[in-house]
Amino acid sequence: MPTCRRQNRMIQTRIGSLIESLINILIGYGVALISQICIFPMFGIHVSIGTNLWIGAWFTLISLVRSYIIRRWFNARLHLAAQALACLNRDA
């Protein structure tokens, strides 16, 4: 019965994932900050720009961690699934 050898394929590195997440989060921070400034007053929430910056910073930090963890998990699972599929196709 033929065996499937594990192939070394290029996957995104941890640093690459972190850089992509940082860029994504920085853009999201800008969008969120503008949204807070526009939307908060519509709900009677009046805070200073400094407070808006801190609120955005905390949510940004949370989002960065979330995004990085999900990306690493998804990347690992996708890579394993692709290998398993390649083995099934090759052994069939």
N, C-alpha and C. Protein backbone atom coordinates (compact mmCIF):
# COMPACT_ATOMS: atom_id res chain seq x y z
N MET A 1 0.85 -1.18 0.00
CA MET A 1 0.00 0.00 0.00
C MET A 1 0.90 1.25 0.00
N PRO A 2 0.70 2.15 -0.94
CA PRO A 2 1.54 3.35 -1.00
C PRO A 2 1.30 4.25 0.21
N THR A 3 2.36 4.89 0.63
CA THR A 3 2.25 5.82 1.74
C THR A 3 2.39 7.24 1.21
N CYS A 4 1.84 8.14 1.94
CA CYS A 4 1.89 9.54 1.54
C CYS A 4 2.97 10.23 2.35
N ARG A 5 3.97 10.75 1.66
CA ARG A 5 5.02 11.49 2.34
C ARG A 5 4.56 12.91 2.60
N ARG A 6 5.00 13.42 3.72
CA ARG A 6 4.65 14.80 4.05
C ARG A 6 5.49 15.75 3.20
N GLN A 7 4.81 16.67 2.54
CA GLN A 7 5.52 17.63 1.71
C GLN A 7 5.73 18.92 2.48
N ASN A 8 6.89 19.52 2.27
CA ASN A 8 7.16 20.83 2.87
C ASN A 8 6.66 21.90 1.92
N ARG A 9 5.57 22.54 2.30
CA ARG A 9 5.00 23.60 1.49
C ARG A 9 5.10 24.90 2.25
N MET A 10 5.19 25.97 1.50
CA MET A 10 5.29 27.29 2.12
C MET A 10 3.94 27.67 2.72
N ILE A 11 3.94 27.92 4.01
CA ILE A 11 2.75 28.45 4.66
C ILE A 11 3.15 29.76 5.31
N GLN A 12 2.17 30.54 5.67
CA GLN A 12 2.45 31.84 6.25
C GLN A 12 3.14 31.66 7.60
N THR A 13 4.20 32.40 7.82
CA THR A 13 4.93 32.33 9.08
C THR A 13 4.16 33.05 10.18
N ARG A 14 4.57 32.82 11.41
CA ARG A 14 3.94 33.51 12.53
C ARG A 14 4.14 35.02 12.41
N ILE A 15 5.34 35.42 12.02
CA ILE A 15 5.62 36.85 11.85
C ILE A 15 4.76 37.43 10.73
N GLY A 16 4.65 36.68 9.62
CA GLY A 16 3.80 37.12 8.52
C GLY A 16 2.35 37.29 8.96
N SER A 17 1.87 36.34 9.77
CA SER A 17 0.51 36.44 10.31
C SER A 17 0.36 37.66 11.20
N LEU A 18 1.38 37.91 12.03
CA LEU A 18 1.33 39.05 12.93
C LEU A 18 1.32 40.36 12.16
N ILE A 19 2.17 40.48 11.14
CA ILE A 19 2.23 41.70 10.33
C ILE A 19 0.90 41.94 9.61
N GLU A 20 0.36 40.89 9.01
CA GLU A 20 -0.92 41.04 8.32
C GLU A 20 -2.01 41.46 9.31
N SER A 21 -2.03 40.83 10.48
CA SER A 21 -3.02 41.18 11.49
C SER A 21 -2.84 42.62 11.96
N LEU A 22 -1.60 43.06 12.15
CA LEU A 22 -1.34 44.44 12.59
C LEU A 22 -1.88 45.45 11.59
N ILE A 23 -1.60 45.22 10.31
CA ILE A 23 -2.08 46.14 9.27
C ILE A 23 -3.61 46.16 9.25
N ASN A 24 -4.20 44.98 9.32
CA ASN A 24 -5.65 44.87 9.33
C ASN A 24 -6.23 45.60 10.54
N ILE A 25 -5.62 45.42 11.69
CA ILE A 25 -6.12 46.02 12.92
C ILE A 25 -5.93 47.54 12.91
N LEU A 26 -4.82 48.02 12.39
CA LEU A 26 -4.60 49.46 12.33
C LEU A 26 -5.65 50.15 11.45
N ILE A 27 -5.95 49.52 10.33
CA ILE A 27 -7.00 50.06 9.47
C ILE A 27 -8.34 50.02 10.21
N GLY A 28 -8.61 48.90 10.87
CA GLY A 28 -9.84 48.77 11.65
C GLY A 28 -9.92 49.78 12.77
N TYR A 29 -8.77 50.10 13.39
CA TYR A 29 -8.75 51.10 14.47
C TYR A 29 -9.21 52.45 13.95
N GLY A 30 -8.72 52.83 12.79
CA GLY A 30 -9.13 54.10 12.19
C GLY A 30 -10.61 54.13 11.89
N VAL A 31 -11.11 53.05 11.32
CA VAL A 31 -12.54 52.96 11.01
C VAL A 31 -13.37 52.99 12.30
N ALA A 32 -12.93 52.25 13.31
CA ALA A 32 -13.66 52.21 14.58
C ALA A 32 -13.66 53.58 15.26
N LEU A 33 -12.52 54.26 15.23
CA LEU A 33 -12.43 55.57 15.87
C LEU A 33 -13.39 56.56 15.23
N ILE A 34 -13.39 56.59 13.91
CA ILE A 34 -14.31 57.48 13.20
C ILE A 34 -15.76 57.09 13.50
N SER A 35 -16.03 55.78 13.54
CA SER A 35 -17.38 55.31 13.84
C SER A 35 -17.81 55.73 15.24
N GLN A 36 -16.91 55.57 16.23
CA GLN A 36 -17.24 55.97 17.60
C GLN A 36 -17.56 57.46 17.67
N ILE A 37 -16.74 58.26 17.01
CA ILE A 37 -16.94 59.71 17.04
C ILE A 37 -18.29 60.09 16.42
N CYS A 38 -18.70 59.37 15.39
CA CYS A 38 -19.97 59.66 14.73
C CYS A 38 -21.17 59.03 15.42
N ILE A 39 -21.03 57.80 15.90
CA ILE A 39 -22.18 57.03 16.39
C ILE A 39 -22.46 57.26 17.88
N PHE A 40 -21.42 57.37 18.71
CA PHE A 40 -21.65 57.55 20.15
C PHE A 40 -22.62 58.67 20.46
N PRO A 41 -22.45 59.86 19.87
CA PRO A 41 -23.38 60.95 20.18
C PRO A 41 -24.84 60.64 19.81
N MET A 42 -25.04 59.80 18.80
CA MET A 42 -26.40 59.43 18.41
C MET A 42 -27.10 58.64 19.50
N PHE A 43 -26.32 58.03 20.42
CA PHE A 43 -26.88 57.27 21.52
C PHE A 43 -26.70 57.97 22.86
N GLY A 44 -26.38 59.26 22.80
CA GLY A 44 -26.24 60.04 24.00
C GLY A 44 -24.94 59.79 24.75
N ILE A 45 -23.97 59.20 24.09
CA ILE A 45 -22.67 58.93 24.71
C ILE A 45 -21.72 60.02 24.26
N HIS A 46 -21.29 60.84 25.19
CA HIS A 46 -20.40 61.95 24.87
C HIS A 46 -19.10 61.77 25.65
N VAL A 47 -18.06 61.46 24.92
CA VAL A 47 -16.74 61.27 25.54
C VAL A 47 -15.72 62.11 24.78
N SER A 48 -14.62 62.38 25.45
CA SER A 48 -13.56 63.17 24.82
C SER A 48 -12.83 62.35 23.75
N ILE A 49 -12.08 63.04 22.92
CA ILE A 49 -11.26 62.36 21.91
C ILE A 49 -10.27 61.41 22.59
N GLY A 50 -9.70 61.86 23.71
CA GLY A 50 -8.77 61.00 24.45
C GLY A 50 -9.41 59.70 24.91
N THR A 51 -10.63 59.80 25.42
CA THR A 51 -11.36 58.59 25.84
C THR A 51 -11.67 57.71 24.64
N ASN A 52 -12.08 58.32 23.53
CA ASN A 52 -12.32 57.55 22.31
C ASN A 52 -11.06 56.81 21.87
N LEU A 53 -9.92 57.48 21.98
CA LEU A 53 -8.65 56.84 21.60
C LEU A 53 -8.36 55.64 22.50
N TRP A 54 -8.60 55.79 23.81
CA TRP A 54 -8.36 54.67 24.73
C TRP A 54 -9.34 53.53 24.51
N ILE A 55 -10.60 53.84 24.31
CA ILE A 55 -11.59 52.79 24.03
C ILE A 55 -11.19 52.04 22.77
N GLY A 56 -10.85 52.78 21.73
CA GLY A 56 -10.41 52.16 20.48
C GLY A 56 -9.15 51.34 20.67
N ALA A 57 -8.22 51.81 21.49
CA ALA A 57 -6.97 51.08 21.73
C ALA A 57 -7.24 49.73 22.40
N TRP A 58 -8.11 49.72 23.40
CA TRP A 58 -8.43 48.46 24.08
C TRP A 58 -9.11 47.47 23.13
N PHE A 59 -10.09 47.96 22.38
CA PHE A 59 -10.75 47.06 21.43
C PHE A 59 -9.79 46.61 20.34
N THR A 60 -8.86 47.45 19.97
CA THR A 60 -7.87 47.08 18.96
C THR A 60 -6.95 45.98 19.49
N LEU A 61 -6.49 46.10 20.71
CA LEU A 61 -5.65 45.07 21.30
C LEU A 61 -6.38 43.73 21.36
N ILE A 62 -7.61 43.77 21.80
CA ILE A 62 -8.42 42.55 21.85
C ILE A 62 -8.59 41.96 20.45
N SER A 63 -8.84 42.80 19.47
CA SER A 63 -9.03 42.36 18.10
C SER A 63 -7.75 41.77 17.51
N LEU A 64 -6.61 42.37 17.84
CA LEU A 64 -5.32 41.87 17.35
C LEU A 64 -5.07 40.46 17.85
N VAL A 65 -5.28 40.24 19.13
CA VAL A 65 -5.07 38.91 19.71
C VAL A 65 -6.03 37.90 19.08
N ARG A 66 -7.30 38.28 18.98
CA ARG A 66 -8.31 37.40 18.37
C ARG A 66 -7.94 37.05 16.94
N SER A 67 -7.60 38.04 16.16
CA SER A 67 -7.27 37.83 14.76
C SER A 67 -6.05 36.93 14.58
N TYR A 68 -5.02 37.14 15.38
CA TYR A 68 -3.80 36.34 15.30
C TYR A 68 -4.08 34.88 15.64
N ILE A 69 -4.81 34.65 16.72
CA ILE A 69 -5.11 33.28 17.15
C ILE A 69 -5.95 32.56 16.10
N ILE A 70 -6.97 33.22 15.58
CA ILE A 70 -7.83 32.59 14.56
C ILE A 70 -7.04 32.30 13.29
N ARG A 71 -6.19 33.24 12.87
CA ARG A 71 -5.40 33.04 11.66
C ARG A 71 -4.46 31.86 11.80
N ARG A 72 -3.77 31.76 12.94
CA ARG A 72 -2.83 30.65 13.15
C ARG A 72 -3.57 29.32 13.19
N TRP A 73 -4.72 29.29 13.88
CA TRP A 73 -5.51 28.07 13.96
C TRP A 73 -6.00 27.66 12.57
N PHE A 74 -6.56 28.62 11.85
CA PHE A 74 -7.10 28.33 10.52
C PHE A 74 -5.99 27.89 9.57
N ASN A 75 -4.86 28.58 9.61
CA ASN A 75 -3.75 28.25 8.72
C ASN A 75 -3.26 26.83 8.97
N ALA A 76 -3.13 26.43 10.22
CA ALA A 76 -2.68 25.08 10.56
C ALA A 76 -3.70 24.04 10.10
N ARG A 77 -4.98 24.30 10.34
CA ARG A 77 -6.02 23.34 9.95
C ARG A 77 -6.14 23.24 8.44
N LEU A 78 -6.04 24.34 7.75
CA LEU A 78 -6.11 24.33 6.30
C LEU A 78 -4.95 23.55 5.70
N HIS A 79 -3.77 23.74 6.26
CA HIS A 79 -2.58 23.03 5.78
C HIS A 79 -2.73 21.53 5.99
N LEU A 80 -3.21 21.13 7.16
CA LEU A 80 -3.42 19.71 7.44
C LEU A 80 -4.49 19.11 6.53
N ALA A 81 -5.55 19.85 6.30
CA ALA A 81 -6.62 19.36 5.42
C ALA A 81 -6.11 19.20 3.99
N ALA A 82 -5.31 20.14 3.53
CA ALA A 82 -4.76 20.05 2.17
C ALA A 82 -3.83 18.84 2.04
N GLN A 83 -3.03 18.58 3.07
CA GLN A 83 -2.15 17.41 3.04
C GLN A 83 -2.96 16.12 3.01
N ALA A 84 -3.99 16.05 3.84
CA ALA A 84 -4.82 14.85 3.89
C ALA A 84 -5.52 14.62 2.55
N LEU A 85 -6.00 15.68 1.94
CA LEU A 85 -6.66 15.56 0.63
C LEU A 85 -5.67 15.10 -0.43
N ALA A 86 -4.47 15.63 -0.38
CA ALA A 86 -3.45 15.23 -1.35
C ALA A 86 -3.11 13.77 -1.19
N CYS A 87 -3.05 13.28 0.05
CA CYS A 87 -2.77 11.88 0.30
C CYS A 87 -3.91 11.00 -0.22
N LEU A 88 -5.15 11.42 0.02
CA LEU A 88 -6.30 10.64 -0.45
C LEU A 88 -6.30 10.55 -1.97
N ASN A 89 -6.04 11.65 -2.64
CA ASN A 89 -6.01 11.65 -4.10
C ASN A 89 -4.87 10.82 -4.65
N ARG A 90 -3.74 10.88 -3.99
CA ARG A 90 -2.56 10.15 -4.46
C ARG A 90 -2.70 8.65 -4.24
N ASP A 91 -3.33 8.26 -3.10
CA ASP A 91 -3.45 6.84 -2.74
C ASP A 91 -4.64 6.18 -3.45
N ALA A 92 -5.53 6.94 -4.04
CA ALA A 92 -6.73 6.38 -4.67
C ALA A 92 -6.42 5.69 -5.97
